[in-house]
Amino acid sequence: MSARPEEAAQVFSGGGRRGTGALHLLWALPVAVLVTLGITLVAGVAACGVSGCSGGGFGRSTDLQPLAVVLVLVAGAVLAAPPALVPWTPHRAVRAGCAVVVGLGWAGFAWLSITGVL
């Protein structure tokens, strides 16, 4: 016996309870933040080396700077995933807009912090 489309929609939307989607942000955002911080740390080491961008007596290592740019963008995408994918609002455009702002904002902030501008 197959389920009606309305019943299937309730199963995939959280069992028909309103407002439960936002509760998933309580675990999804901290997990994304922890993963993002780890990726950003690796990007910082890849951008300037272990000694940092000042050189620290060993000189700068900029061989992996393109990898650092990619890692910063990946970190932004990881942080943008929960606001985009968790149905905390029924409007997809709002979720997508918030995700773009969060992702690009983190990527820009992280890159400026890594390079020493901030």
C-alpha atoms as a PDB file:
ATOM      1  CA  MET A   1       0.000   0.000   0.000  1.00  0.00           C
ATOM      2  CA  SER A   2       1.548   3.270  -1.064  1.00  0.00           C
ATOM      3  CA  ALA A   3       1.300   6.567   0.787  1.00  0.00           C
ATOM      4  CA  ARG A   4      -0.575   9.474  -0.663  1.00  0.00           C
ATOM      5  CA  PRO A   5       1.550  12.431  -1.818  1.00  0.00           C
ATOM      6  CA  GLU A   6       0.245  14.569   1.061  1.00  0.00           C
ATOM      7  CA  GLU A   7       1.375  11.989   3.612  1.00  0.00           C
ATOM      8  CA  ALA A   8       4.779  11.666   1.968  1.00  0.00           C
ATOM      9  CA  ALA A   9       5.177  15.454   2.049  1.00  0.00           C
ATOM     10  CA  GLN A  10       4.451  15.456   5.787  1.00  0.00           C
ATOM     11  CA  VAL A  11       7.046  12.761   6.417  1.00  0.00           C
ATOM     12  CA  PHE A  12       9.770  14.675   4.576  1.00  0.00           C
ATOM     13  CA  SER A  13       8.843  18.044   6.067  1.00  0.00           C
ATOM     14  CA  GLY A  14       9.238  17.032   9.689  1.00  0.00           C
ATOM     15  CA  GLY A  15       6.081  15.075  10.380  1.00  0.00           C
ATOM     16  CA  GLY A  16       3.677  17.915   9.848  1.00  0.00           C
ATOM     17  CA  ARG A  17       4.822  19.911  12.876  1.00  0.00           C
ATOM     18  CA  ARG A  18       5.312  23.562  12.118  1.00  0.00           C
ATOM     19  CA  GLY A  19       8.516  25.260  13.162  1.00  0.00           C
ATOM     20  CA  THR A  20      10.622  22.148  13.657  1.00  0.00           C
ATOM     21  CA  GLY A  21      12.941  22.999  10.771  1.00  0.00           C
ATOM     22  CA  ALA A  22      14.478  25.890  12.676  1.00  0.00           C
ATOM     23  CA  LEU A  23      15.391  23.543  15.521  1.00  0.00           C
ATOM     24  CA  HIS A  24      17.771  21.711  13.206  1.00  0.00           C
ATOM     25  CA  LEU A  25      19.850  24.887  13.033  1.00  0.00           C
ATOM     26  CA  LEU A  26      20.691  24.341  16.716  1.00  0.00           C
ATOM     27  CA  TRP A  27      22.910  21.394  15.815  1.00  0.00           C
ATOM     28  CA  ALA A  28      23.686  22.115  12.149  1.00  0.00           C
ATOM     29  CA  LEU A  29      25.218  25.556  12.675  1.00  0.00           C
ATOM     30  CA  PRO A  30      27.647  24.574  15.469  1.00  0.00           C
ATOM     31  CA  VAL A  31      28.806  21.563  13.453  1.00  0.00           C
ATOM     32  CA  ALA A  32      29.302  23.777  10.387  1.00  0.00           C
ATOM     33  CA  VAL A  33      31.182  26.375  12.448  1.00  0.00           C
ATOM     34  CA  LEU A  34      33.578  23.766  13.842  1.00  0.00           C
ATOM     35  CA  VAL A  35      34.249  22.288  10.402  1.00  0.00           C
ATOM     36  CA  THR A  36      34.663  25.795   8.955  1.00  0.00           C
ATOM     37  CA  LEU A  37      37.169  26.795  11.617  1.00  0.00           C
ATOM     38  CA  GLY A  38      39.252  23.703  10.889  1.00  0.00           C
ATOM     39  CA  ILE A  39      39.228  24.355   7.146  1.00  0.00           C
ATOM     40  CA  THR A  40      40.094  28.021   7.727  1.00  0.00           C
ATOM     41  CA  LEU A  41      43.019  27.049   9.963  1.00  0.00           C
ATOM     42  CA  VAL A  42      44.386  24.791   7.231  1.00  0.00           C
ATOM     43  CA  ALA A  43      43.870  27.604   4.709  1.00  0.00           C
ATOM     44  CA  GLY A  44      45.851  29.971   6.932  1.00  0.00           C
ATOM     45  CA  VAL A  45      48.758  27.568   7.127  1.00  0.00           C
ATOM     46  CA  ALA A  46      48.572  26.967   3.367  1.00  0.00           C
ATOM     47  CA  ALA A  47      48.526  30.711   2.616  1.00  0.00           C
ATOM     48  CA  CYS A  48      51.604  31.749   4.552  1.00  0.00           C
ATOM     49  CA  GLY A  49      53.232  28.682   6.022  1.00  0.00           C
ATOM     50  CA  VAL A  50      53.579  27.580   9.626  1.00  0.00           C
ATOM     51  CA  SER A  51      55.435  30.767  10.628  1.00  0.00           C
ATOM     52  CA  GLY A  52      52.609  33.043   9.549  1.00  0.00           C
ATOM     53  CA  CYS A  53      52.526  35.771   6.942  1.00  0.00           C
ATOM     54  CA  SER A  54      55.206  37.809   8.730  1.00  0.00           C
ATOM     55  CA  GLY A  55      57.737  35.045   8.132  1.00  0.00           C
ATOM     56  CA  GLY A  56      58.702  34.530  11.771  1.00  0.00           C
ATOM     57  CA  GLY A  57      62.397  34.156  10.959  1.00  0.00           C
ATOM     58  CA  PHE A  58      61.858  31.338   8.467  1.00  0.00           C
ATOM     59  CA  GLY A  59      60.419  33.373   5.610  1.00  0.00           C
ATOM     60  CA  ARG A  60      57.029  33.139   3.987  1.00  0.00           C
ATOM     61  CA  SER A  61      55.921  30.053   2.149  1.00  0.00           C
ATOM     62  CA  THR A  62      53.482  31.053  -0.587  1.00  0.00           C
ATOM     63  CA  ASP A  63      53.636  27.907  -2.713  1.00  0.00           C
ATOM     64  CA  LEU A  64      50.195  26.771  -1.587  1.00  0.00           C
ATOM     65  CA  GLN A  65      48.404  30.125  -1.780  1.00  0.00           C
ATOM     66  CA  PRO A  66      46.023  28.993  -4.587  1.00  0.00           C
ATOM     67  CA  LEU A  67      45.048  26.045  -2.380  1.00  0.00           C
ATOM     68  CA  ALA A  68      44.361  28.495   0.440  1.00  0.00           C
ATOM     69  CA  VAL A  69      41.955  30.457  -1.759  1.00  0.00           C
ATOM     70  CA  VAL A  70      40.069  27.263  -2.626  1.00  0.00           C
ATOM     71  CA  LEU A  71      39.967  26.213   1.041  1.00  0.00           C
ATOM     72  CA  VAL A  72      38.565  29.583   2.107  1.00  0.00           C
ATOM     73  CA  LEU A  73      35.808  29.279  -0.504  1.00  0.00           C
ATOM     74  CA  VAL A  74      35.064  25.719   0.637  1.00  0.00           C
ATOM     75  CA  ALA A  75      34.873  26.963   4.238  1.00  0.00           C
ATOM     76  CA  GLY A  76      32.372  29.611   3.154  1.00  0.00           C
ATOM     77  CA  ALA A  77      30.293  26.977   1.369  1.00  0.00           C
ATOM     78  CA  VAL A  78      30.306  24.711   4.437  1.00  0.00           C
ATOM     79  CA  LEU A  79      29.132  27.572   6.640  1.00  0.00           C
ATOM     80  CA  ALA A  80      26.476  28.559   4.096  1.00  0.00           C
ATOM     81  CA  ALA A  81      25.029  25.039   3.845  1.00  0.00           C
ATOM     82  CA  PRO A  82      22.860  24.987   7.014  1.00  0.00           C
ATOM     83  CA  PRO A  83      21.028  28.266   6.335  1.00  0.00           C
ATOM     84  CA  ALA A  84      20.464  27.143   2.747  1.00  0.00           C
ATOM     85  CA  LEU A  85      19.379  23.562   3.387  1.00  0.00           C
ATOM     86  CA  VAL A  86      17.536  23.655   6.725  1.00  0.00           C
ATOM     87  CA  PRO A  87      13.934  24.813   6.180  1.00  0.00           C
ATOM     88  CA  TRP A  88      13.915  27.518   8.883  1.00  0.00           C
ATOM     89  CA  THR A  89      11.725  29.686   6.655  1.00  0.00           C
ATOM     90  CA  PRO A  90       9.368  28.543   3.915  1.00  0.00           C
ATOM     91  CA  HIS A  91      10.865  31.030   1.449  1.00  0.00           C
ATOM     92  CA  ARG A  92      13.703  29.483  -0.545  1.00  0.00           C
ATOM     93  CA  ALA A  93      14.847  32.869  -1.818  1.00  0.00           C
ATOM     94  CA  VAL A  94      15.369  34.108   1.746  1.00  0.00           C
ATOM     95  CA  ARG A  95      17.333  30.975   2.655  1.00  0.00           C
ATOM     96  CA  ALA A  96      19.450  31.263  -0.496  1.00  0.00           C
ATOM     97  CA  GLY A  97      20.091  34.964   0.085  1.00  0.00           C
ATOM     98  CA  CYS A  98      21.144  34.391   3.687  1.00  0.00           C
ATOM     99  CA  ALA A  99      23.382  31.514   2.635  1.00  0.00           C
ATOM    100  CA  VAL A 100      25.124  33.638   0.001  1.00  0.00           C
ATOM    101  CA  VAL A 101      25.681  36.475   2.468  1.00  0.00           C
ATOM    102  CA  VAL A 102      26.994  34.119   5.175  1.00  0.00           C
ATOM    103  CA  GLY A 103      29.229  32.145   2.805  1.00  0.00           C
ATOM    104  CA  LEU A 104      30.781  35.058   0.980  1.00  0.00           C
ATOM    105  CA  GLY A 105      30.998  37.082   4.187  1.00  0.00           C
ATOM    106  CA  TRP A 106      32.965  34.335   5.926  1.00  0.00           C
ATOM    107  CA  ALA A 107      35.193  33.744   2.898  1.00  0.00           C
ATOM    108  CA  GLY A 108      36.000  37.447   2.649  1.00  0.00           C
ATOM    109  CA  PHE A 109      36.572  37.860   6.374  1.00  0.00           C
ATOM    110  CA  ALA A 110      38.755  34.756   6.546  1.00  0.00           C
ATOM    111  CA  TRP A 111      40.868  35.766   3.572  1.00  0.00           C
ATOM    112  CA  LEU A 112      41.378  39.306   4.889  1.00  0.00           C
ATOM    113  CA  SER A 113      42.297  37.882   8.293  1.00  0.00           C
ATOM    114  CA  ILE A 114      44.715  35.349   6.829  1.00  0.00           C
ATOM    115  CA  THR A 115      46.499  37.892   4.665  1.00  0.00           C
ATOM    116  CA  GLY A 116      46.816  40.331   7.563  1.00  0.00           C
ATOM    117  CA  VAL A 117      44.576  43.102   6.243  1.00  0.00           C
ATOM    118  CA  LEU A 118      42.301  42.918   9.303  1.00  0.00           C
END
